[in-house]
PDB file of N, CA and C in Angstrom:
ATOM      1  N   MET A   1      18.318 -12.600  -0.805  1.00  0.00           N
ATOM      2  CA  MET A   1      17.043 -12.698   0.318  1.00  0.00           C
ATOM      3  C   MET A   1      17.158 -13.904   0.874  1.00  0.00           C
ATOM      4  N   THR A   2      17.037 -14.011   2.062  1.00  0.00           N
ATOM      5  CA  THR A   2      16.875 -15.434   2.799  1.00  0.00           C
ATOM      6  C   THR A   2      15.435 -15.932   3.019  1.00  0.00           C
ATOM      7  N   PRO A   3      15.393 -17.013   3.108  1.00  0.00           N
ATOM      8  CA  PRO A   3      13.951 -17.712   3.401  1.00  0.00           C
ATOM      9  C   PRO A   3      13.390 -16.946   4.756  1.00  0.00           C
ATOM     10  N   THR A   4      14.222 -16.883   5.725  1.00  0.00           N
ATOM     11  CA  THR A   4      13.939 -16.122   6.996  1.00  0.00           C
ATOM     12  C   THR A   4      13.121 -14.638   6.766  1.00  0.00           C
ATOM     13  N   GLN A   5      13.741 -13.771   5.691  1.00  0.00           N
ATOM     14  CA  GLN A   5      13.507 -12.701   5.512  1.00  0.00           C
ATOM     15  C   GLN A   5      12.375 -12.631   4.729  1.00  0.00           C
ATOM     16  N   LEU A   6      12.281 -13.656   3.955  1.00  0.00           N
ATOM     17  CA  LEU A   6      11.216 -13.589   2.945  1.00  0.00           C
ATOM     18  C   LEU A   6       9.832 -14.035   3.840  1.00  0.00           C
ATOM     19  N   ILE A   7       9.969 -14.797   4.898  1.00  0.00           N
ATOM     20  CA  ILE A   7       8.980 -15.178   5.526  1.00  0.00           C
ATOM     21  C   ILE A   7       8.376 -14.204   6.651  1.00  0.00           C
ATOM     22  N   SER A   8       9.336 -13.530   7.056  1.00  0.00           N
ATOM     23  CA  SER A   8       9.018 -12.183   7.919  1.00  0.00           C
ATOM     24  C   SER A   8       8.223 -11.150   6.956  1.00  0.00           C
ATOM     25  N   LEU A   9       8.725 -10.778   5.805  1.00  0.00           N
ATOM     26  CA  LEU A   9       8.016 -10.037   4.711  1.00  0.00           C
ATOM     27  C   LEU A   9       6.794 -10.360   4.619  1.00  0.00           C
ATOM     28  N   THR A  10       6.359 -11.592   4.018  1.00  0.00           N
ATOM     29  CA  THR A  10       5.157 -12.355   4.104  1.00  0.00           C
ATOM     30  C   THR A  10       4.393 -12.137   5.193  1.00  0.00           C
ATOM     31  N   GLU A  11       4.987 -12.311   6.480  1.00  0.00           N
ATOM     32  CA  GLU A  11       4.149 -12.292   7.606  1.00  0.00           C
ATOM     33  C   GLU A  11       3.667 -10.544   7.678  1.00  0.00           C
ATOM     34  N   SER A  12       4.663  -9.790   7.559  1.00  0.00           N
ATOM     35  CA  SER A  12       4.220  -8.392   7.512  1.00  0.00           C
ATOM     36  C   SER A  12       3.318  -7.959   6.511  1.00  0.00           C
ATOM     37  N   ALA A  13       3.435  -8.157   5.559  1.00  0.00           N
ATOM     38  CA  ALA A  13       2.296  -8.101   4.361  1.00  0.00           C
ATOM     39  C   ALA A  13       0.845  -8.644   4.743  1.00  0.00           C
ATOM     40  N   LEU A  14       0.801  -9.768   5.231  1.00  0.00           N
ATOM     41  CA  LEU A  14      -0.646 -10.197   5.826  1.00  0.00           C
ATOM     42  C   LEU A  14      -1.154  -9.602   7.003  1.00  0.00           C
ATOM     43  N   PHE A  15      -0.212  -9.020   7.685  1.00  0.00           N
ATOM     44  CA  PHE A  15      -0.707  -8.134   8.911  1.00  0.00           C
ATOM     45  C   PHE A  15      -1.183  -6.915   8.619  1.00  0.00           C
ATOM     46  N   LEU A  16      -0.474  -6.455   7.467  1.00  0.00           N
ATOM     47  CA  LEU A  16      -0.843  -5.067   6.824  1.00  0.00           C
ATOM     48  C   LEU A  16      -2.288  -5.114   6.272  1.00  0.00           C
ATOM     49  N   ILE A  17      -2.495  -6.517   5.523  1.00  0.00           N
ATOM     50  CA  ILE A  17      -3.861  -6.513   4.874  1.00  0.00           C
ATOM     51  C   ILE A  17      -4.994  -6.665   5.886  1.00  0.00           C
ATOM     52  N   LEU A  18      -4.586  -7.200   6.962  1.00  0.00           N
ATOM     53  CA  LEU A  18      -5.610  -7.280   7.946  1.00  0.00           C
ATOM     54  C   LEU A  18      -5.817  -6.073   8.778  1.00  0.00           C
ATOM     55  N   THR A  19      -4.639  -5.208   8.919  1.00  0.00           N
ATOM     56  CA  THR A  19      -4.808  -3.984   9.458  1.00  0.00           C
ATOM     57  C   THR A  19      -5.696  -3.101   8.696  1.00  0.00           C
ATOM     58  N   VAL A  20      -5.570  -3.010   7.450  1.00  0.00           N
ATOM     59  CA  VAL A  20      -5.904  -1.997   6.597  1.00  0.00           C
ATOM     60  C   VAL A  20      -7.474  -2.291   6.190  1.00  0.00           C
ATOM     61  N   ALA A  21      -7.715  -3.650   5.711  1.00  0.00           N
ATOM     62  CA  ALA A  21      -8.971  -3.970   5.420  1.00  0.00           C
ATOM     63  C   ALA A  21      -9.659  -4.706   6.475  1.00  0.00           C
ATOM     64  N   GLY A  22      -9.284  -5.135   7.587  1.00  0.00           N
ATOM     65  CA  GLY A  22     -10.046  -5.902   8.580  1.00  0.00           C
ATOM     66  C   GLY A  22     -11.144  -4.911   9.060  1.00  0.00           C
ATOM     67  N   PRO A  23     -11.008  -3.563   9.639  1.00  0.00           N
ATOM     68  CA  PRO A  23     -11.819  -2.893  10.151  1.00  0.00           C
ATOM     69  C   PRO A  23     -13.214  -2.342   9.276  1.00  0.00           C
ATOM     70  N   LEU A  24     -12.650  -2.309   8.042  1.00  0.00           N
ATOM     71  CA  LEU A  24     -13.622  -1.963   7.132  1.00  0.00           C
ATOM     72  C   LEU A  24     -14.569  -2.994   6.718  1.00  0.00           C
ATOM     73  N   LEU A  25     -13.973  -4.255   6.667  1.00  0.00           N
ATOM     74  CA  LEU A  25     -14.941  -5.410   6.135  1.00  0.00           C
ATOM     75  C   LEU A  25     -15.813  -5.809   7.413  1.00  0.00           C
ATOM     76  N   LEU A  26     -15.251  -5.801   8.762  1.00  0.00           N
ATOM     77  CA  LEU A  26     -16.054  -5.860   9.866  1.00  0.00           C
ATOM     78  C   LEU A  26     -17.039  -5.004  10.096  1.00  0.00           C
ATOM     79  N   THR A  27     -16.773  -3.990   9.598  1.00  0.00           N
ATOM     80  CA  THR A  27     -17.881  -2.608   9.721  1.00  0.00           C
ATOM     81  C   THR A  27     -19.077  -3.291   8.735  1.00  0.00           C
ATOM     82  N   SER A  28     -18.709  -3.290   7.609  1.00  0.00           N
ATOM     83  CA  SER A  28     -19.575  -3.598   6.564  1.00  0.00           C
ATOM     84  C   SER A  28     -20.469  -4.849   6.941  1.00  0.00           C
ATOM     85  N   LEU A  29     -19.779  -6.054   7.569  1.00  0.00           N
ATOM     86  CA  LEU A  29     -20.305  -7.107   7.934  1.00  0.00           C
ATOM     87  C   LEU A  29     -21.612  -6.720   9.211  1.00  0.00           C
ATOM     88  N   ILE A  30     -21.126  -6.077  10.040  1.00  0.00           N
ATOM     89  CA  ILE A  30     -21.958  -5.709  11.413  1.00  0.00           C
ATOM     90  C   ILE A  30     -22.953  -4.901  10.449  1.00  0.00           C
ATOM     91  N   VAL A  31     -23.082  -3.710  10.073  1.00  0.00           N
ATOM     92  CA  VAL A  31     -24.037  -3.057   9.380  1.00  0.00           C
ATOM     93  C   VAL A  31     -24.856  -3.748   8.513  1.00  0.00           C
ATOM     94  N   GLY A  32     -24.274  -4.746   7.429  1.00  0.00           N
ATOM     95  CA  GLY A  32     -25.190  -5.423   6.892  1.00  0.00           C
ATOM     96  C   GLY A  32     -26.094  -6.329   7.342  1.00  0.00           C
ATOM     97  N   VAL A  33     -25.503  -7.092   8.766  1.00  0.00           N
ATOM     98  CA  VAL A  33     -26.396  -7.922   9.493  1.00  0.00           C
ATOM     99  C   VAL A  33     -27.509  -7.085  10.185  1.00  0.00           C
ATOM    100  N   VAL A  34     -27.190  -5.881  10.528  1.00  0.00           N
ATOM    101  CA  VAL A  34     -28.233  -4.929  11.386  1.00  0.00           C
ATOM    102  C   VAL A  34     -29.360  -4.787  10.497  1.00  0.00           C
ATOM    103  N   ILE A  35     -29.009  -4.176   9.231  1.00  0.00           N
ATOM    104  CA  ILE A  35     -29.959  -3.803   8.088  1.00  0.00           C
ATOM    105  C   ILE A  35     -30.615  -5.264   7.805  1.00  0.00           C
ATOM    106  N   GLY A  36     -30.069  -6.125   7.719  1.00  0.00           N
ATOM    107  CA  GLY A  36     -30.650  -7.560   7.453  1.00  0.00           C
ATOM    108  C   GLY A  36     -31.991  -7.732   8.404  1.00  0.00           C
ATOM    109  N   LEU A  37     -31.492  -7.533   9.699  1.00  0.00           N
ATOM    110  CA  LEU A  37     -32.234  -7.767  10.770  1.00  0.00           C
ATOM    111  C   LEU A  37     -33.593  -7.068  10.781  1.00  0.00           C
ATOM    112  N   LEU A  38     -33.317  -5.550  10.646  1.00  0.00           N
ATOM    113  CA  LEU A  38     -34.282  -4.689  10.402  1.00  0.00           C
ATOM    114  C   LEU A  38     -35.305  -4.961   9.238  1.00  0.00           C
ATOM    115  N   GLN A  39     -34.799  -5.347   7.879  1.00  0.00           N
ATOM    116  CA  GLN A  39     -35.665  -5.404   6.985  1.00  0.00           C
ATOM    117  C   GLN A  39     -36.614  -6.756   7.111  1.00  0.00           C
ATOM    118  N   ALA A  40     -35.934  -8.070   7.931  1.00  0.00           N
ATOM    119  CA  ALA A  40     -36.586  -8.860   8.284  1.00  0.00           C
ATOM    120  C   ALA A  40     -37.652  -8.629   9.265  1.00  0.00           C
ATOM    121  N   LEU A  41     -37.572  -7.885  10.141  1.00  0.00           N
ATOM    122  CA  LEU A  41     -38.494  -7.631  11.237  1.00  0.00           C
ATOM    123  C   LEU A  41     -39.468  -6.675  10.690  1.00  0.00           C
ATOM    124  N   THR A  42     -39.355  -5.703   9.551  1.00  0.00           N
ATOM    125  CA  THR A  42     -40.104  -4.821   9.383  1.00  0.00           C
ATOM    126  C   THR A  42     -40.976  -5.378   7.840  1.00  0.00           C
ATOM    127  N   GLN A  43     -40.148  -6.359   7.271  1.00  0.00           N
ATOM    128  CA  GLN A  43     -40.555  -6.659   5.968  1.00  0.00           C
ATOM    129  C   GLN A  43     -40.539  -5.944   5.012  1.00  0.00           C
ATOM    130  N   ILE A  44     -39.500  -5.069   5.012  1.00  0.00           N
ATOM    131  CA  ILE A  44     -39.044  -3.990   3.889  1.00  0.00           C
ATOM    132  C   ILE A  44     -38.059  -4.705   2.939  1.00  0.00           C
ATOM    133  N   GLN A  45     -38.602  -4.826   1.848  1.00  0.00           N
ATOM    134  CA  GLN A  45     -37.398  -5.995   1.274  1.00  0.00           C
ATOM    135  C   GLN A  45     -36.819  -5.182   0.040  1.00  0.00           C
ATOM    136  N   GLU A  46     -36.342  -4.019   0.465  1.00  0.00           N
ATOM    137  CA  GLU A  46     -35.725  -3.139  -0.837  1.00  0.00           C
ATOM    138  C   GLU A  46     -34.166  -3.532  -0.699  1.00  0.00           C
ATOM    139  N   THR A  47     -33.785  -3.860  -1.891  1.00  0.00           N
ATOM    140  CA  THR A  47     -32.437  -4.240  -2.153  1.00  0.00           C
ATOM    141  C   THR A  47     -31.248  -3.259  -1.715  1.00  0.00           C
ATOM    142  N   THR A  48     -31.827  -2.052  -2.437  1.00  0.00           N
ATOM    143  CA  THR A  48     -30.756  -0.908  -2.441  1.00  0.00           C
ATOM    144  C   THR A  48     -30.636  -0.058  -0.872  1.00  0.00           C
ATOM    145  N   LEU A  49     -31.357  -0.663   0.005  1.00  0.00           N
ATOM    146  CA  LEU A  49     -31.492   0.018   1.332  1.00  0.00           C
ATOM    147  C   LEU A  49     -30.271  -0.327   2.297  1.00  0.00           C
ATOM    148  N   THR A  50     -29.544  -1.187   1.592  1.00  0.00           N
ATOM    149  CA  THR A  50     -28.343  -1.756   2.703  1.00  0.00           C
ATOM    150  C   THR A  50     -27.024  -1.073   2.169  1.00  0.00           C
ATOM    151  N   PHE A  51     -27.147  -0.396   1.009  1.00  0.00           N
ATOM    152  CA  PHE A  51     -25.927   0.013   0.435  1.00  0.00           C
ATOM    153  C   PHE A  51     -25.536   1.553   1.144  1.00  0.00           C
ATOM    154  N   VAL A  52     -26.337   2.650   1.135  1.00  0.00           N
ATOM    155  CA  VAL A  52     -26.074   3.575   1.833  1.00  0.00           C
ATOM    156  C   VAL A  52     -25.852   3.670   3.132  1.00  0.00           C
ATOM    157  N   PRO A  53     -26.232   2.923   4.027  1.00  0.00           N
ATOM    158  CA  PRO A  53     -25.899   2.776   5.292  1.00  0.00           C
ATOM    159  C   PRO A  53     -24.342   2.207   5.668  1.00  0.00           C
ATOM    160  N   LYS A  54     -24.273   1.161   4.531  1.00  0.00           N
ATOM    161  CA  LYS A  54     -22.808   0.697   4.836  1.00  0.00           C
ATOM    162  C   LYS A  54     -21.844   1.512   4.122  1.00  0.00           C
ATOM    163  N   LEU A  55     -22.049   2.365   3.330  1.00  0.00           N
ATOM    164  CA  LEU A  55     -21.037   3.290   2.638  1.00  0.00           C
ATOM    165  C   LEU A  55     -20.881   4.302   3.573  1.00  0.00           C
ATOM    166  N   VAL A  56     -21.938   4.712   4.502  1.00  0.00           N
ATOM    167  CA  VAL A  56     -21.747   5.650   5.439  1.00  0.00           C
ATOM    168  C   VAL A  56     -20.641   5.357   6.531  1.00  0.00           C
ATOM    169  N   ALA A  57     -21.123   4.154   6.981  1.00  0.00           N
ATOM    170  CA  ALA A  57     -20.241   3.538   8.162  1.00  0.00           C
ATOM    171  C   ALA A  57     -18.973   3.300   7.688  1.00  0.00           C
ATOM    172  N   MET A  58     -18.428   2.399   6.471  1.00  0.00           N
ATOM    173  CA  MET A  58     -17.322   2.301   6.179  1.00  0.00           C
ATOM    174  C   MET A  58     -16.460   3.735   5.872  1.00  0.00           C
ATOM    175  N   GLY A  59     -17.422   4.677   5.183  1.00  0.00           N
ATOM    176  CA  GLY A  59     -16.482   6.072   5.408  1.00  0.00           C
ATOM    177  C   GLY A  59     -15.962   6.562   6.561  1.00  0.00           C
ATOM    178  N   LEU A  60     -17.060   6.669   7.564  1.00  0.00           N
ATOM    179  CA  LEU A  60     -16.657   6.874   8.755  1.00  0.00           C
ATOM    180  C   LEU A  60     -15.434   6.275   9.645  1.00  0.00           C
ATOM    181  N   VAL A  61     -15.617   4.874   9.442  1.00  0.00           N
ATOM    182  CA  VAL A  61     -14.565   3.952   9.991  1.00  0.00           C
ATOM    183  C   VAL A  61     -13.201   4.386   9.424  1.00  0.00           C
ATOM    184  N   PHE A  62     -13.100   4.504   7.960  1.00  0.00           N
ATOM    185  CA  PHE A  62     -11.894   4.689   7.359  1.00  0.00           C
ATOM    186  C   PHE A  62     -11.370   5.900   7.643  1.00  0.00           C
ATOM    187  N   LEU A  63     -12.263   6.936   7.621  1.00  0.00           N
ATOM    188  CA  LEU A  63     -11.735   8.251   8.234  1.00  0.00           C
ATOM    189  C   LEU A  63     -11.153   8.213  10.001  1.00  0.00           C
ATOM    190  N   LEU A  64     -11.837   7.415  10.649  1.00  0.00           N
ATOM    191  CA  LEU A  64     -11.201   7.393  12.059  1.00  0.00           C
ATOM    192  C   LEU A  64     -10.036   6.019  11.902  1.00  0.00           C
ATOM    193  N   MET A  65      -9.938   5.403  10.793  1.00  0.00           N
ATOM    194  CA  MET A  65      -8.754   4.399  10.908  1.00  0.00           C
ATOM    195  C   MET A  65      -7.371   4.913  10.037  1.00  0.00           C
ATOM    196  N   LEU A  66      -7.905   6.057   9.528  1.00  0.00           N
ATOM    197  CA  LEU A  66      -6.682   6.533   8.552  1.00  0.00           C
ATOM    198  C   LEU A  66      -5.455   7.013   9.167  1.00  0.00           C
ATOM    199  N   PRO A  67      -5.333   7.559  10.604  1.00  0.00           N
ATOM    200  CA  PRO A  67      -3.570   7.468  11.003  1.00  0.00           C
ATOM    201  C   PRO A  67      -3.325   6.075  11.145  1.00  0.00           C
ATOM    202  N   THR A  68      -4.105   5.157  11.742  1.00  0.00           N
ATOM    203  CA  THR A  68      -3.701   3.653  11.923  1.00  0.00           C
ATOM    204  C   THR A  68      -3.131   3.077  10.802  1.00  0.00           C
ATOM    205  N   ILE A  69      -3.959   3.285   9.749  1.00  0.00           N
ATOM    206  CA  ILE A  69      -3.686   2.870   8.202  1.00  0.00           C
ATOM    207  C   ILE A  69      -2.105   3.413   7.711  1.00  0.00           C
ATOM    208  N   GLY A  70      -2.104   4.803   7.805  1.00  0.00           N
ATOM    209  CA  GLY A  70      -1.076   5.490   7.576  1.00  0.00           C
ATOM    210  C   GLY A  70       0.206   5.088   8.271  1.00  0.00           C
ATOM    211  N   GLN A  71       0.104   4.814   9.457  1.00  0.00           N
ATOM    212  CA  GLN A  71       1.244   4.131  10.329  1.00  0.00           C
ATOM    213  C   GLN A  71       1.814   2.748   9.941  1.00  0.00           C
ATOM    214  N   ALA A  72       0.686   2.063   9.573  1.00  0.00           N
ATOM    215  CA  ALA A  72       0.978   0.712   9.640  1.00  0.00           C
ATOM    216  C   ALA A  72       1.831   0.748   7.977  1.00  0.00           C
ATOM    217  N   LEU A  73       0.908   1.319   6.930  1.00  0.00           N
ATOM    218  CA  LEU A  73       1.697   1.405   5.605  1.00  0.00           C
ATOM    219  C   LEU A  73       3.260   2.108   5.688  1.00  0.00           C
ATOM    220  N   GLY A  74       3.443   3.194   6.335  1.00  0.00           N
ATOM    221  CA  GLY A  74       4.563   3.527   6.693  1.00  0.00           C
ATOM    222  C   GLY A  74       5.830   2.519   7.052  1.00  0.00           C
ATOM    223  N   ALA A  75       5.284   1.858   8.089  1.00  0.00           N
ATOM    224  CA  ALA A  75       6.254   0.832   8.807  1.00  0.00           C
ATOM    225  C   ALA A  75       6.825  -0.042   7.975  1.00  0.00           C
ATOM    226  N   PHE A  76       5.633  -0.598   7.180  1.00  0.00           N
ATOM    227  CA  PHE A  76       5.873  -1.923   6.088  1.00  0.00           C
ATOM    228  C   PHE A  76       6.933  -1.163   5.112  1.00  0.00           C
ATOM    229  N   MET A  77       6.425   0.208   4.749  1.00  0.00           N
ATOM    230  CA  MET A  77       7.470   0.526   3.682  1.00  0.00           C
ATOM    231  C   MET A  77       8.896   0.874   4.174  1.00  0.00           C
ATOM    232  N   GLY A  78       9.009   1.152   5.439  1.00  0.00           N
ATOM    233  CA  GLY A  78      10.262   1.212   6.196  1.00  0.00           C
ATOM    234  C   GLY A  78      10.919   0.014   6.252  1.00  0.00           C
ATOM    235  N   LYS A  79      10.355  -1.051   6.484  1.00  0.00           N
ATOM    236  CA  LYS A  79      11.086  -2.558   6.582  1.00  0.00           C
ATOM    237  C   LYS A  79      11.254  -2.717   5.295  1.00  0.00           C
ATOM    238  N   ILE A  80      10.741  -2.646   4.162  1.00  0.00           N
ATOM    239  CA  ILE A  80      10.933  -3.073   3.012  1.00  0.00           C
ATOM    240  C   ILE A  80      12.320  -2.237   2.455  1.00  0.00           C
ATOM    241  N   SER A  81      12.284  -1.072   2.660  1.00  0.00           N
ATOM    242  CA  SER A  81      13.395  -0.053   2.564  1.00  0.00           C
ATOM    243  C   SER A  81      14.563  -0.655   3.158  1.00  0.00           C
ATOM    244  N   ASP A  82      14.445  -0.797   4.521  1.00  0.00           N
ATOM    245  CA  ASP A  82      15.811  -1.541   5.153  1.00  0.00           C
ATOM    246  C   ASP A  82      16.088  -2.750   4.759  1.00  0.00           C
ATOM    247  N   MET A  83      15.429  -3.513   4.190  1.00  0.00           N
ATOM    248  CA  MET A  83      15.777  -4.863   3.243  1.00  0.00           C
ATOM    249  C   MET A  83      16.449  -4.605   2.308  1.00  0.00           C
ATOM    250  N   ILE A  84      15.835  -3.473   1.311  1.00  0.00           N
ATOM    251  CA  ILE A  84      16.622  -3.221   0.216  1.00  0.00           C
ATOM    252  C   ILE A  84      17.879  -2.626   0.349  1.00  0.00           C
ATOM    253  N   ILE A  85      18.085  -1.801   1.476  1.00  0.00           N
ATOM    254  CA  ILE A  85      19.380  -1.186   1.833  1.00  0.00           C
ATOM    255  C   ILE A  85      20.259  -2.161   2.382  1.00  0.00           C
ATOM    256  N   HIS A  86      20.118  -3.006   3.249  1.00  0.00           N
ATOM    257  CA  HIS A  86      20.868  -3.734   3.909  1.00  0.00           C
ATOM    258  C   HIS A  86      21.272  -4.983   3.023  1.00  0.00           C
ATOM    259  N   GLY A  87      20.362  -5.432   2.383  1.00  0.00           N
ATOM    260  CA  GLY A  87      20.821  -6.557   1.239  1.00  0.00           C
ATOM    261  C   GLY A  87      19.961  -7.690   1.863  1.00  0.00           C
TER     262      GLY A  87
END
């Protein structure tokens, strides 16, 4: 494996990580900030209040992003397979 191929593979892997985890983490961040603001405004300081909305929102985003995640994983596997076959 040449250094150019290794750099290309590493770049693809990092982009894959951003594609798979990015929307879920961004959703968790946004929902956490909104719930935190609501807790500060209403002075409800229940620590477990943030978990259920975050889980629901992340589950919905995961279901919506599932085709994109599958396509990204398939493209990455195809790239790795081509590198294995062609040396």
